[in-house]
């Protein structure tokens, strides 16, 4: 018999329902398996909109939150994992830029599409105040405020992409067309290959 428990965990940036179950095997067996499934606000939004997705968990290394490291942990190429960056323009304020994990933001291209003269990445210490999410868990889905979202055109190359689920250690795998619809993202060329 499997013990099952459901609890809600309220964090400053999300409410998480955690479903825990464990299978205890016979005493003569040395294995023990457990799984945790989490529902974040981003996943709940997808549920409300009837969007199909998959949650992928990975072990968090606070010393290495790089998109490339996360992609390796979930078994995807870094270009198929899309990171969400928060930027601030001098004329139009905050926006979100969604680019492949193995690229850098082209701030000039982003400024041109937003109508700003200058644009810079928001300081890490401001992320939670602006979005409700912390570094390594930022997503355009169910953010604190609905900022304009700009996604790099390369997102269309894939059948499925991975984005943050709103917390470190959990990614959402979904179709790009669904992500673009839910995030109300504008497609544009804003990514530069890393040198």
N, C-alpha and C. Protein backbone atom coordinates (compact mmCIF):
# COMPACT_ATOMS: atom_id res chain seq x y z
N UNK A 1 0.83 -1.17 0.00
CA UNK A 1 0.00 0.00 0.00
C UNK A 1 0.88 1.24 0.00
N UNK A 2 0.48 2.29 -0.75
CA UNK A 2 1.28 3.51 -0.88
C UNK A 2 0.72 4.61 -0.01
N UNK A 3 1.50 5.13 0.94
CA UNK A 3 1.02 6.27 1.69
C UNK A 3 1.00 7.50 0.78
N UNK A 4 -0.08 8.26 0.81
CA UNK A 4 -0.20 9.44 -0.04
C UNK A 4 -0.53 10.62 0.85
N UNK A 5 0.13 11.74 0.61
CA UNK A 5 -0.20 12.96 1.35
C UNK A 5 -0.17 14.14 0.40
N UNK A 6 -1.05 15.07 0.63
CA UNK A 6 -1.12 16.28 -0.18
C UNK A 6 -0.99 17.45 0.76
N UNK A 7 -0.09 18.35 0.43
CA UNK A 7 0.04 19.54 1.26
C UNK A 7 0.30 20.73 0.36
N UNK A 8 -0.06 21.89 0.85
CA UNK A 8 0.22 23.12 0.11
C UNK A 8 1.36 23.83 0.82
N UNK A 9 2.30 24.33 0.04
CA UNK A 9 3.42 25.07 0.58
C UNK A 9 3.31 26.48 0.03
N UNK A 10 3.20 27.47 0.89
CA UNK A 10 3.07 28.85 0.43
C UNK A 10 4.45 29.51 0.56
N UNK A 11 4.96 29.96 -0.57
CA UNK A 11 6.23 30.65 -0.63
C UNK A 11 5.96 32.08 -1.06
N UNK A 12 6.92 33.00 -0.88
CA UNK A 12 6.66 34.38 -1.29
C UNK A 12 6.37 34.53 -2.77
N UNK A 13 6.85 33.60 -3.61
CA UNK A 13 6.72 33.74 -5.04
C UNK A 13 5.75 32.76 -5.67
N UNK A 14 5.21 31.82 -4.93
CA UNK A 14 4.28 30.85 -5.51
C UNK A 14 3.65 30.01 -4.42
N UNK A 15 2.50 29.49 -4.72
CA UNK A 15 1.89 28.49 -3.86
C UNK A 15 2.06 27.16 -4.57
N UNK A 16 2.57 26.20 -3.87
CA UNK A 16 2.89 24.91 -4.50
C UNK A 16 2.09 23.82 -3.79
N UNK A 17 1.38 23.05 -4.57
CA UNK A 17 0.75 21.87 -4.01
C UNK A 17 1.71 20.72 -4.26
N UNK A 18 2.04 20.02 -3.23
CA UNK A 18 3.00 18.93 -3.35
C UNK A 18 2.26 17.63 -3.08
N UNK A 19 2.30 16.76 -4.03
CA UNK A 19 1.73 15.43 -3.87
C UNK A 19 2.90 14.47 -3.68
N UNK A 20 2.94 13.86 -2.54
CA UNK A 20 4.03 12.94 -2.23
C UNK A 20 3.47 11.53 -2.15
N UNK A 21 4.18 10.61 -2.76
CA UNK A 21 3.82 9.22 -2.60
C UNK A 21 5.08 8.39 -2.55
N UNK A 22 4.99 7.32 -1.85
CA UNK A 22 6.16 6.45 -1.72
C UNK A 22 5.70 5.00 -1.80
N UNK A 23 6.51 4.21 -2.46
CA UNK A 23 6.24 2.78 -2.56
C UNK A 23 7.28 2.07 -1.68
N UNK A 24 6.80 1.41 -0.68
CA UNK A 24 7.70 0.67 0.19
C UNK A 24 7.64 -0.79 -0.23
N UNK A 25 8.77 -1.31 -0.63
CA UNK A 25 8.85 -2.69 -1.10
C UNK A 25 9.04 -3.64 0.08
N UNK A 26 8.92 -4.91 -0.20
CA UNK A 26 9.07 -5.93 0.86
C UNK A 26 10.40 -5.75 1.60
N UNK A 27 10.45 -6.16 2.86
CA UNK A 27 11.67 -6.01 3.64
C UNK A 27 12.89 -6.65 3.00
N UNK A 28 12.68 -7.70 2.18
CA UNK A 28 13.82 -8.37 1.57
C UNK A 28 14.37 -7.60 0.37
N UNK A 29 13.70 -6.55 -0.03
CA UNK A 29 14.14 -5.74 -1.17
C UNK A 29 14.81 -4.48 -0.64
N UNK A 30 15.94 -4.13 -1.19
CA UNK A 30 16.70 -2.99 -0.67
C UNK A 30 16.32 -1.67 -1.32
N UNK A 31 15.38 -1.70 -2.26
CA UNK A 31 15.05 -0.46 -2.97
C UNK A 31 13.88 0.26 -2.31
N UNK A 32 13.89 1.54 -2.43
CA UNK A 32 12.81 2.40 -1.96
C UNK A 32 12.67 3.49 -3.02
N UNK A 33 11.45 3.71 -3.52
CA UNK A 33 11.24 4.72 -4.55
C UNK A 33 10.29 5.78 -4.02
N UNK A 34 10.52 7.01 -4.42
CA UNK A 34 9.56 8.07 -4.09
C UNK A 34 9.55 9.07 -5.23
N UNK A 35 8.46 9.79 -5.35
CA UNK A 35 8.33 10.82 -6.39
C UNK A 35 7.58 12.00 -5.82
N UNK A 36 7.88 13.16 -6.32
CA UNK A 36 7.20 14.38 -5.90
C UNK A 36 6.72 15.08 -7.16
N UNK A 37 5.46 15.44 -7.20
CA UNK A 37 4.91 16.20 -8.31
C UNK A 37 4.46 17.55 -7.76
N UNK A 38 4.92 18.63 -8.37
CA UNK A 38 4.59 19.96 -7.89
C UNK A 38 3.76 20.70 -8.92
N UNK A 39 2.82 21.46 -8.46
CA UNK A 39 2.02 22.33 -9.33
C UNK A 39 2.32 23.76 -8.93
N UNK A 40 2.89 24.51 -9.83
CA UNK A 40 3.18 25.91 -9.58
C UNK A 40 2.06 26.75 -10.20
N UNK A 41 2.11 28.05 -9.94
CA UNK A 41 1.12 28.95 -10.55
C UNK A 41 1.19 28.90 -12.07
N UNK A 42 2.38 28.75 -12.61
CA UNK A 42 2.53 28.66 -14.07
C UNK A 42 1.84 27.41 -14.59
N UNK A 43 2.00 26.28 -13.90
CA UNK A 43 1.35 25.03 -14.32
C UNK A 43 -0.16 25.13 -14.16
N UNK A 44 -0.61 25.78 -13.10
CA UNK A 44 -2.06 25.97 -12.91
C UNK A 44 -2.65 26.82 -14.03
N UNK A 45 -1.92 27.83 -14.47
CA UNK A 45 -2.39 28.67 -15.58
C UNK A 45 -2.56 27.82 -16.84
N UNK A 46 -1.59 26.97 -17.11
CA UNK A 46 -1.69 26.08 -18.28
C UNK A 46 -2.89 25.14 -18.14
N UNK A 47 -3.11 24.63 -16.93
CA UNK A 47 -4.27 23.77 -16.68
C UNK A 47 -5.57 24.53 -16.98
N UNK A 48 -5.67 25.75 -16.49
CA UNK A 48 -6.88 26.57 -16.69
C UNK A 48 -7.16 26.81 -18.16
N UNK A 49 -6.08 26.92 -18.95
CA UNK A 49 -6.23 27.21 -20.38
C UNK A 49 -6.33 25.93 -21.22
N UNK A 50 -6.27 24.79 -20.58
CA UNK A 50 -6.38 23.52 -21.30
C UNK A 50 -5.16 23.18 -22.15
N UNK A 51 -4.00 23.67 -21.75
CA UNK A 51 -2.75 23.45 -22.49
C UNK A 51 -2.08 22.18 -21.97
N UNK A 52 -1.65 21.33 -22.91
CA UNK A 52 -0.92 20.11 -22.55
C UNK A 52 0.54 20.45 -22.28
N UNK A 53 1.07 19.87 -21.21
CA UNK A 53 2.46 20.10 -20.83
C UNK A 53 2.95 18.93 -19.98
N UNK A 54 4.24 18.93 -19.74
CA UNK A 54 4.86 17.92 -18.87
C UNK A 54 5.77 18.65 -17.90
N UNK A 55 5.79 18.21 -16.65
CA UNK A 55 6.69 18.77 -15.65
C UNK A 55 7.94 17.91 -15.57
N UNK A 56 9.09 18.55 -15.61
CA UNK A 56 10.37 17.85 -15.52
C UNK A 56 11.13 18.37 -14.30
N UNK A 57 11.43 17.49 -13.36
CA UNK A 57 12.18 17.87 -12.16
C UNK A 57 13.67 17.64 -12.38
N UNK A 58 14.47 18.44 -11.69
CA UNK A 58 15.92 18.25 -11.73
C UNK A 58 16.49 18.71 -10.40
N UNK A 59 17.68 18.22 -10.10
CA UNK A 59 18.35 18.60 -8.86
C UNK A 59 18.99 19.98 -9.03
N UNK A 60 18.73 20.86 -8.09
CA UNK A 60 19.22 22.23 -8.15
C UNK A 60 20.61 22.34 -7.54
N UNK A 61 21.50 22.98 -8.26
CA UNK A 61 22.81 23.34 -7.74
C UNK A 61 22.83 24.87 -7.63
N UNK A 62 22.68 25.43 -6.43
CA UNK A 62 22.62 26.89 -6.29
C UNK A 62 23.85 27.62 -6.81
N UNK A 63 24.95 26.87 -6.95
CA UNK A 63 26.19 27.46 -7.47
C UNK A 63 26.22 27.49 -9.00
N UNK A 64 25.33 26.74 -9.65
CA UNK A 64 25.29 26.69 -11.11
C UNK A 64 23.84 26.66 -11.59
N UNK A 65 23.28 27.85 -11.78
CA UNK A 65 21.89 27.97 -12.25
C UNK A 65 21.83 28.22 -13.75
N UNK A 66 22.95 28.04 -14.43
CA UNK A 66 23.02 28.30 -15.87
C UNK A 66 22.04 27.41 -16.64
N UNK A 67 21.46 27.98 -17.67
CA UNK A 67 20.49 27.26 -18.51
C UNK A 67 21.11 26.01 -19.12
N UNK A 68 22.37 26.08 -19.50
CA UNK A 68 23.04 24.92 -20.08
C UNK A 68 23.09 23.76 -19.10
N UNK A 69 23.33 24.06 -17.82
CA UNK A 69 23.39 23.03 -16.78
C UNK A 69 22.02 22.40 -16.57
N UNK A 70 20.98 23.22 -16.55
CA UNK A 70 19.61 22.72 -16.39
C UNK A 70 19.24 21.84 -17.58
N UNK A 71 19.56 22.28 -18.78
CA UNK A 71 19.26 21.50 -19.99
C UNK A 71 19.90 20.12 -19.92
N UNK A 72 21.16 20.07 -19.49
CA UNK A 72 21.85 18.78 -19.37
C UNK A 72 21.16 17.88 -18.35
N UNK A 73 20.69 18.46 -17.26
CA UNK A 73 20.03 17.67 -16.20
C UNK A 73 18.70 17.09 -16.65
N UNK A 74 18.01 17.77 -17.56
CA UNK A 74 16.71 17.26 -18.02
C UNK A 74 16.82 16.56 -19.38
N UNK A 75 18.05 16.46 -19.91
CA UNK A 75 18.29 15.69 -21.13
C UNK A 75 17.88 16.37 -22.42
N UNK A 76 17.96 17.69 -22.47
CA UNK A 76 17.63 18.43 -23.69
C UNK A 76 18.85 19.22 -24.16
N UNK A 77 18.91 19.51 -25.46
CA UNK A 77 19.96 20.42 -25.92
C UNK A 77 19.71 21.81 -25.34
N UNK A 78 20.75 22.57 -25.02
CA UNK A 78 20.57 23.89 -24.41
C UNK A 78 19.73 24.85 -25.26
N UNK A 79 19.75 24.68 -26.57
CA UNK A 79 18.97 25.56 -27.44
C UNK A 79 17.48 25.30 -27.39
N UNK A 80 17.08 24.17 -26.79
CA UNK A 80 15.66 23.81 -26.69
C UNK A 80 15.07 24.25 -25.34
N UNK A 81 15.93 24.64 -24.42
CA UNK A 81 15.50 25.19 -23.15
C UNK A 81 15.53 26.71 -23.29
N UNK A 82 14.43 27.36 -23.00
CA UNK A 82 14.35 28.81 -23.14
C UNK A 82 14.33 29.48 -21.78
N UNK A 83 15.26 30.43 -21.60
CA UNK A 83 15.35 31.16 -20.34
C UNK A 83 14.61 32.48 -20.48
N UNK A 84 14.05 32.95 -19.39
CA UNK A 84 13.31 34.20 -19.37
C UNK A 84 14.12 35.24 -18.62
N UNK A 85 14.48 36.30 -19.31
CA UNK A 85 15.25 37.39 -18.73
C UNK A 85 14.34 38.59 -18.54
N UNK A 86 14.59 39.34 -17.50
CA UNK A 86 13.80 40.55 -17.22
C UNK A 86 14.68 41.75 -17.56
N UNK A 87 14.14 42.62 -18.39
CA UNK A 87 14.89 43.80 -18.84
C UNK A 87 14.09 45.07 -18.56
N UNK A 88 14.81 46.18 -18.50
CA UNK A 88 14.15 47.47 -18.28
C UNK A 88 14.64 48.47 -19.30
N UNK A 89 13.69 49.06 -20.02
CA UNK A 89 14.00 50.07 -21.02
C UNK A 89 13.86 51.47 -20.46
N UNK A 90 14.54 52.43 -21.08
CA UNK A 90 14.50 53.80 -20.60
C UNK A 90 13.17 54.51 -20.92
N UNK A 91 12.40 54.01 -21.86
CA UNK A 91 11.13 54.64 -22.23
C UNK A 91 9.91 53.83 -21.81
N UNK A 92 9.98 52.52 -21.97
CA UNK A 92 8.79 51.70 -21.77
C UNK A 92 8.86 50.76 -20.57
N UNK A 93 9.91 50.84 -19.80
CA UNK A 93 9.99 50.08 -18.55
C UNK A 93 10.30 48.60 -18.73
N UNK A 94 9.68 47.80 -17.87
CA UNK A 94 10.00 46.37 -17.75
C UNK A 94 9.38 45.55 -18.88
N UNK A 95 10.16 44.57 -19.36
CA UNK A 95 9.66 43.57 -20.31
C UNK A 95 10.41 42.27 -20.02
N UNK A 96 9.94 41.20 -20.65
CA UNK A 96 10.61 39.90 -20.51
C UNK A 96 11.10 39.44 -21.87
N UNK A 97 12.30 38.89 -21.88
CA UNK A 97 12.91 38.38 -23.11
C UNK A 97 13.12 36.88 -22.94
N UNK A 98 12.62 36.10 -23.89
CA UNK A 98 12.70 34.65 -23.82
C UNK A 98 13.63 34.18 -24.94
N UNK A 99 14.78 33.62 -24.54
CA UNK A 99 15.81 33.25 -25.51
C UNK A 99 16.33 31.85 -25.21
N UNK A 100 16.92 31.19 -26.22
CA UNK A 100 17.49 29.85 -25.98
C UNK A 100 18.58 29.89 -24.91
N UNK A 101 18.70 28.78 -24.18
CA UNK A 101 19.65 28.69 -23.09
C UNK A 101 21.10 28.82 -23.47
N UNK A 102 21.43 28.57 -24.74
CA UNK A 102 22.82 28.64 -25.17
C UNK A 102 23.13 29.95 -25.90
N UNK A 103 22.30 30.97 -25.68
CA UNK A 103 22.51 32.27 -26.32
C UNK A 103 22.54 33.38 -25.29
N UNK A 104 22.87 34.57 -25.77
CA UNK A 104 22.84 35.78 -24.95
C UNK A 104 21.82 36.73 -25.53
N UNK A 105 21.32 37.63 -24.71
CA UNK A 105 20.35 38.61 -25.16
C UNK A 105 21.03 39.68 -26.00
N UNK A 106 20.46 39.98 -27.16
CA UNK A 106 20.90 41.09 -28.00
C UNK A 106 20.12 42.31 -27.52
N UNK A 107 20.72 43.09 -26.61
CA UNK A 107 20.01 44.21 -26.00
C UNK A 107 19.65 45.29 -27.02
N UNK A 108 20.47 45.47 -28.03
CA UNK A 108 20.15 46.45 -29.07
C UNK A 108 18.92 46.04 -29.86
N UNK A 109 18.83 44.76 -30.20
CA UNK A 109 17.66 44.27 -30.93
C UNK A 109 16.41 44.36 -30.07
N UNK A 110 16.54 44.06 -28.77
CA UNK A 110 15.39 44.16 -27.87
C UNK A 110 14.95 45.61 -27.73
N UNK A 111 15.90 46.52 -27.59
CA UNK A 111 15.55 47.95 -27.48
C UNK A 111 14.84 48.42 -28.74
N UNK A 112 15.29 47.96 -29.89
CA UNK A 112 14.65 48.37 -31.15
C UNK A 112 13.20 47.90 -31.22
N UNK A 113 12.94 46.68 -30.78
CA UNK A 113 11.58 46.15 -30.86
C UNK A 113 10.66 46.74 -29.77
N UNK A 114 11.22 47.12 -28.65
CA UNK A 114 10.40 47.70 -27.57
C UNK A 114 10.19 49.20 -27.74
N UNK A 115 11.00 49.82 -28.59
CA UNK A 115 10.90 51.27 -28.77
C UNK A 115 11.71 52.06 -27.76
N UNK A 116 12.63 51.38 -27.09
CA UNK A 116 13.50 52.04 -26.11
C UNK A 116 14.80 52.45 -26.77
N UNK A 117 15.40 53.54 -26.25
CA UNK A 117 16.73 53.93 -26.74
C UNK A 117 17.78 53.03 -26.11
N UNK A 118 17.61 52.75 -24.81
CA UNK A 118 18.55 51.90 -24.07
C UNK A 118 17.74 50.89 -23.27
N UNK A 119 18.33 49.74 -23.09
CA UNK A 119 17.69 48.70 -22.29
C UNK A 119 18.78 47.92 -21.57
N UNK A 120 18.50 47.49 -20.35
CA UNK A 120 19.46 46.70 -19.58
C UNK A 120 18.72 45.62 -18.80
N UNK A 121 19.45 44.60 -18.41
CA UNK A 121 18.85 43.53 -17.61
C UNK A 121 18.57 44.06 -16.20
N UNK A 122 17.43 43.67 -15.66
CA UNK A 122 17.08 44.06 -14.29
C UNK A 122 18.05 43.38 -13.33
N UNK A 123 18.42 44.08 -12.25
CA UNK A 123 19.30 43.45 -11.26
C UNK A 123 18.64 42.21 -10.65
N UNK A 124 19.44 41.19 -10.37
CA UNK A 124 18.94 39.94 -9.80
C UNK A 124 18.14 40.20 -8.52
N UNK A 125 18.60 41.13 -7.70
CA UNK A 125 17.92 41.41 -6.43
C UNK A 125 16.52 42.00 -6.63
N UNK A 126 16.20 42.49 -7.84
CA UNK A 126 14.89 43.06 -8.13
C UNK A 126 13.91 42.06 -8.74
N UNK A 127 14.40 40.89 -9.15
CA UNK A 127 13.57 39.93 -9.88
C UNK A 127 12.30 39.52 -9.11
N UNK A 128 12.46 39.18 -7.85
CA UNK A 128 11.30 38.71 -7.09
C UNK A 128 10.28 39.82 -6.90
N UNK A 129 10.75 41.02 -6.64
CA UNK A 129 9.83 42.16 -6.47
C UNK A 129 9.07 42.43 -7.77
N UNK A 130 9.74 42.32 -8.91
CA UNK A 130 9.11 42.61 -10.19
C UNK A 130 8.20 41.50 -10.69
N UNK A 131 8.64 40.23 -10.52
CA UNK A 131 7.94 39.11 -11.16
C UNK A 131 7.27 38.14 -10.20
N UNK A 132 7.73 38.12 -8.96
CA UNK A 132 7.27 37.10 -8.03
C UNK A 132 8.13 35.86 -8.07
N UNK A 133 9.15 35.86 -8.93
CA UNK A 133 10.04 34.70 -9.09
C UNK A 133 11.47 35.09 -8.77
N UNK A 134 12.28 34.06 -8.42
CA UNK A 134 13.69 34.29 -8.14
C UNK A 134 14.54 33.78 -9.30
N UNK A 135 15.80 34.20 -9.33
CA UNK A 135 16.72 33.77 -10.39
C UNK A 135 16.74 32.25 -10.47
N UNK A 136 16.63 31.74 -11.69
CA UNK A 136 16.59 30.30 -11.89
C UNK A 136 15.16 29.77 -11.91
N UNK A 137 14.20 30.63 -11.63
CA UNK A 137 12.80 30.22 -11.62
C UNK A 137 11.89 31.22 -12.31
N UNK A 138 12.47 32.17 -13.03
CA UNK A 138 11.66 33.22 -13.69
C UNK A 138 10.95 32.64 -14.92
N UNK A 139 9.67 32.95 -15.02
CA UNK A 139 8.87 32.58 -16.19
C UNK A 139 7.89 33.71 -16.48
N UNK A 140 7.49 33.82 -17.73
CA UNK A 140 6.51 34.84 -18.11
C UNK A 140 5.09 34.39 -17.74
N UNK A 141 4.92 33.11 -17.41
CA UNK A 141 3.60 32.59 -17.08
C UNK A 141 3.26 32.87 -15.62
N UNK A 142 2.11 33.48 -15.39
CA UNK A 142 1.60 33.76 -14.05
C UNK A 142 2.55 34.62 -13.23
N UNK A 143 3.25 35.53 -13.89
CA UNK A 143 4.13 36.46 -13.17
C UNK A 143 3.26 37.44 -12.38
N UNK A 144 3.88 38.12 -11.44
CA UNK A 144 3.20 39.08 -10.58
C UNK A 144 2.44 40.13 -11.39
N UNK A 145 3.02 40.53 -12.51
CA UNK A 145 2.43 41.52 -13.39
C UNK A 145 2.59 41.04 -14.83
N UNK A 146 1.65 41.40 -15.68
CA UNK A 146 1.72 40.99 -17.10
C UNK A 146 2.58 41.98 -17.88
N UNK A 147 3.86 41.70 -17.94
CA UNK A 147 4.79 42.54 -18.71
C UNK A 147 4.76 42.11 -20.17
N UNK A 148 5.17 43.00 -21.08
CA UNK A 148 5.32 42.58 -22.48
C UNK A 148 6.38 41.47 -22.57
N UNK A 149 6.11 40.47 -23.40
CA UNK A 149 7.03 39.33 -23.55
C UNK A 149 7.49 39.27 -25.00
N UNK A 150 8.80 39.15 -25.19
CA UNK A 150 9.40 39.03 -26.52
C UNK A 150 10.17 37.72 -26.57
N UNK A 151 9.81 36.86 -27.50
CA UNK A 151 10.45 35.55 -27.63
C UNK A 151 11.27 35.49 -28.91
N UNK A 152 12.45 34.91 -28.80
CA UNK A 152 13.31 34.77 -29.97
C UNK A 152 12.66 33.84 -30.99
N UNK A 153 12.79 34.19 -32.26
CA UNK A 153 12.18 33.42 -33.35
C UNK A 153 12.59 31.95 -33.39
N UNK A 154 13.75 31.63 -32.83
CA UNK A 154 14.23 30.25 -32.86
C UNK A 154 13.30 29.30 -32.10
N UNK A 155 12.41 29.83 -31.31
CA UNK A 155 11.46 29.02 -30.55
C UNK A 155 10.59 28.17 -31.48
N UNK A 156 10.39 28.64 -32.70
CA UNK A 156 9.53 27.94 -33.67
C UNK A 156 10.19 26.70 -34.28
N UNK A 157 11.49 26.52 -34.07
CA UNK A 157 12.20 25.37 -34.65
C UNK A 157 11.87 24.05 -33.98
N UNK A 158 11.27 24.10 -32.82
CA UNK A 158 11.08 22.90 -32.01
C UNK A 158 9.62 22.50 -31.91
N UNK A 159 9.39 21.18 -31.74
CA UNK A 159 8.05 20.68 -31.45
C UNK A 159 7.69 20.94 -30.00
N UNK A 160 8.70 20.86 -29.12
CA UNK A 160 8.52 21.10 -27.68
C UNK A 160 9.69 21.94 -27.19
N UNK A 161 9.41 22.80 -26.23
CA UNK A 161 10.46 23.58 -25.58
C UNK A 161 10.34 23.41 -24.08
N UNK A 162 11.39 23.76 -23.38
CA UNK A 162 11.38 23.72 -21.93
C UNK A 162 11.51 25.14 -21.41
N UNK A 163 10.67 25.48 -20.43
CA UNK A 163 10.74 26.78 -19.75
C UNK A 163 10.68 26.52 -18.25
N UNK A 164 11.05 27.50 -17.46
CA UNK A 164 10.95 27.36 -16.02
C UNK A 164 9.49 27.26 -15.61
N UNK A 165 9.23 26.44 -14.62
CA UNK A 165 7.87 26.29 -14.09
C UNK A 165 7.57 27.32 -13.01
N UNK A 166 8.55 28.17 -12.71
CA UNK A 166 8.33 29.21 -11.71
C UNK A 166 9.09 28.98 -10.42
N UNK A 167 9.77 27.85 -10.33
CA UNK A 167 10.64 27.57 -9.18
C UNK A 167 11.88 26.86 -9.69
N UNK A 168 12.95 26.97 -8.93
CA UNK A 168 14.16 26.21 -9.27
C UNK A 168 13.86 24.72 -9.10
N UNK A 169 14.39 23.91 -10.00
CA UNK A 169 14.23 22.47 -9.89
C UNK A 169 13.06 21.90 -10.65
N UNK A 170 12.32 22.75 -11.38
CA UNK A 170 11.15 22.27 -12.11
C UNK A 170 11.02 23.03 -13.42
N UNK A 171 10.94 22.27 -14.51
CA UNK A 171 10.76 22.83 -15.85
C UNK A 171 9.44 22.36 -16.44
N UNK A 172 8.90 23.16 -17.35
CA UNK A 172 7.69 22.80 -18.08
C UNK A 172 8.09 22.53 -19.52
N UNK A 173 7.66 21.38 -20.05
CA UNK A 173 7.87 21.02 -21.44
C UNK A 173 6.54 21.18 -22.15
N UNK A 174 6.50 22.03 -23.20
CA UNK A 174 5.26 22.28 -23.92
C UNK A 174 5.54 22.70 -25.35
N UNK A 175 4.50 22.75 -26.16
CA UNK A 175 4.63 23.17 -27.55
C UNK A 175 4.86 24.68 -27.60
N UNK A 176 5.78 25.14 -28.46
CA UNK A 176 6.05 26.57 -28.55
C UNK A 176 4.81 27.40 -28.88
N UNK A 177 3.96 26.90 -29.76
CA UNK A 177 2.76 27.65 -30.13
C UNK A 177 1.87 27.88 -28.92
N UNK A 178 1.79 26.90 -28.03
CA UNK A 178 1.00 27.07 -26.81
C UNK A 178 1.65 28.08 -25.88
N UNK A 179 2.98 28.00 -25.73
CA UNK A 179 3.69 28.96 -24.88
C UNK A 179 3.47 30.39 -25.39
N UNK A 180 3.64 30.58 -26.68
CA UNK A 180 3.50 31.92 -27.27
C UNK A 180 2.10 32.47 -27.04
N UNK A 181 1.09 31.60 -27.13
CA UNK A 181 -0.29 32.02 -26.92
C UNK A 181 -0.52 32.43 -25.47
N UNK A 182 -0.11 31.59 -24.53
CA UNK A 182 -0.35 31.86 -23.11
C UNK A 182 0.46 33.07 -22.64
N UNK A 183 1.69 33.18 -23.08
CA UNK A 183 2.56 34.30 -22.66
C UNK A 183 2.24 35.59 -23.41
N UNK A 184 1.42 35.48 -24.46
CA UNK A 184 1.11 36.64 -25.32
C UNK A 184 2.41 37.27 -25.82
N UNK A 185 3.31 36.41 -26.27
CA UNK A 185 4.65 36.83 -26.67
C UNK A 185 4.70 37.31 -28.12
N UNK A 186 5.54 38.28 -28.34
CA UNK A 186 5.84 38.79 -29.67
C UNK A 186 7.10 38.08 -30.16
N UNK A 187 7.04 37.51 -31.36
CA UNK A 187 8.21 36.85 -31.94
C UNK A 187 9.14 37.87 -32.58
N UNK A 188 10.42 37.75 -32.29
CA UNK A 188 11.41 38.66 -32.85
C UNK A 188 12.80 38.03 -32.72
N UNK A 189 13.78 38.60 -33.39
CA UNK A 189 15.15 38.08 -33.31
C UNK A 189 15.90 38.86 -32.24
N UNK A 190 16.08 38.25 -31.06
CA UNK A 190 16.73 38.95 -29.92
C UNK A 190 17.85 38.15 -29.27
N UNK A 191 18.25 37.05 -29.90
CA UNK A 191 19.29 36.19 -29.31
C UNK A 191 20.57 36.26 -30.13
N UNK A 192 21.69 36.26 -29.42
CA UNK A 192 23.02 36.21 -30.04
C UNK A 192 23.70 34.93 -29.58
N UNK A 193 24.41 34.26 -30.50
CA UNK A 193 25.16 33.07 -30.10
C UNK A 193 26.33 33.49 -29.24
N UNK A 194 26.58 32.72 -28.19
CA UNK A 194 27.70 33.01 -27.29
C UNK A 194 29.02 32.78 -28.01
N UNK A 195 29.97 33.63 -27.69
CA UNK A 195 31.29 33.50 -28.32
C UNK A 195 32.22 32.70 -27.46
